[in-house]
Amino acid sequence: MAAPVLNWITTGDHLLRTLGQGYWPVAGVDLSLLAAAMIAGSVAVRLGRKARAAAAAAALRETAAGQGEAVHA
């Protein structure tokens, strides 16, 4: 997401300006980078949720196994 912002800061060509002027090469790259950043962010969120769920399930299994051993002892 930093590339379109840096493009704006260094060249003054922000996304709305390039879209308005029809400067499609720059607008296309900016839009592609923003889309890739959004996809990567959503994948990271989903993977984080799955990892937390798996860790919680493992902790629950570990706790249940520990309680089962205490009862048998």
Protein backbone atom coordinates (compact mmCIF):
# COMPACT_ATOMS: atom_id res chain seq x y z
CA MET A 1 0.00 0.00 0.00
CA ALA A 2 2.98 2.26 0.41
CA ALA A 3 3.82 2.39 -3.31
CA PRO A 4 0.77 4.43 -4.41
CA VAL A 5 1.28 6.79 -1.46
CA LEU A 6 4.97 7.19 -2.28
CA ASN A 7 4.05 7.80 -5.92
CA TRP A 8 1.75 10.59 -4.79
CA ILE A 9 4.37 12.11 -2.49
CA THR A 10 7.26 11.94 -4.95
CA THR A 11 5.51 12.73 -8.24
CA GLY A 12 2.24 14.39 -7.22
CA ASP A 13 0.31 11.87 -9.33
CA HIS A 14 -2.25 10.47 -6.93
CA LEU A 15 -4.78 7.88 -8.01
CA LEU A 16 -7.72 10.24 -8.44
CA ARG A 17 -5.65 12.57 -10.60
CA THR A 18 -4.37 9.79 -12.86
CA LEU A 19 -7.87 8.34 -13.23
CA GLY A 20 -9.30 11.77 -14.02
CA GLN A 21 -6.63 12.51 -16.62
CA GLY A 22 -6.89 9.07 -18.16
CA TYR A 23 -3.27 8.29 -17.39
CA TRP A 24 -4.00 4.57 -17.34
CA PRO A 25 -0.49 3.10 -17.03
CA VAL A 26 0.08 4.77 -13.65
CA ALA A 27 -3.53 4.37 -12.52
CA GLY A 28 -3.47 0.68 -13.47
CA VAL A 29 -0.32 0.00 -11.49
CA ASP A 30 -1.67 1.87 -8.47
CA LEU A 31 -5.00 0.02 -8.64
CA SER A 32 -3.23 -3.32 -9.04
CA LEU A 33 -1.00 -2.65 -6.05
CA LEU A 34 -3.97 -1.60 -3.93
CA ALA A 35 -5.94 -4.70 -4.96
CA ALA A 36 -2.98 -6.96 -4.15
CA ALA A 37 -2.60 -5.28 -0.76
CA MET A 38 -6.29 -5.81 0.02
CA ILE A 39 -6.13 -9.46 -1.01
CA ALA A 40 -2.98 -10.04 1.05
CA GLY A 41 -4.56 -8.34 4.05
CA SER A 42 -7.71 -10.44 3.88
CA VAL A 43 -5.68 -13.65 3.52
CA ALA A 44 -3.57 -12.66 6.53
CA VAL A 45 -6.69 -12.06 8.61
CA ARG A 46 -8.20 -15.41 7.60
CA LEU A 47 -4.97 -17.30 8.28
CA GLY A 48 -4.65 -15.57 11.64
CA ARG A 49 -8.17 -16.63 12.60
CA LYS A 50 -7.49 -20.23 11.56
CA ALA A 51 -4.21 -20.28 13.51
CA ARG A 52 -5.89 -18.92 16.64
CA ALA A 53 -8.71 -21.46 16.31
CA ALA A 54 -6.22 -24.31 15.85
CA ALA A 55 -4.20 -23.15 18.87
CA ALA A 56 -7.35 -22.93 20.99
CA ALA A 57 -8.43 -26.42 19.90
CA ALA A 58 -4.98 -27.82 20.71
CA ALA A 59 -5.02 -26.17 24.12
CA LEU A 60 -8.47 -27.60 24.78
CA ARG A 61 -7.32 -31.09 23.79
CA GLU A 62 -4.24 -30.71 25.96
CA THR A 63 -6.33 -29.61 28.92
CA ALA A 64 -8.79 -32.47 28.42
CA ALA A 65 -5.97 -34.99 28.15
CA GLY A 66 -4.37 -33.63 31.33
CA GLN A 67 -7.62 -33.90 33.25
CA GLY A 68 -8.15 -37.43 32.02
CA GLU A 69 -4.73 -38.52 33.32
CA ALA A 70 -5.40 -36.98 36.73
CA VAL A 71 -8.63 -38.93 37.08
CA HIS A 72 -6.96 -42.26 36.26
CA ALA A 73 -4.07 -41.68 38.66
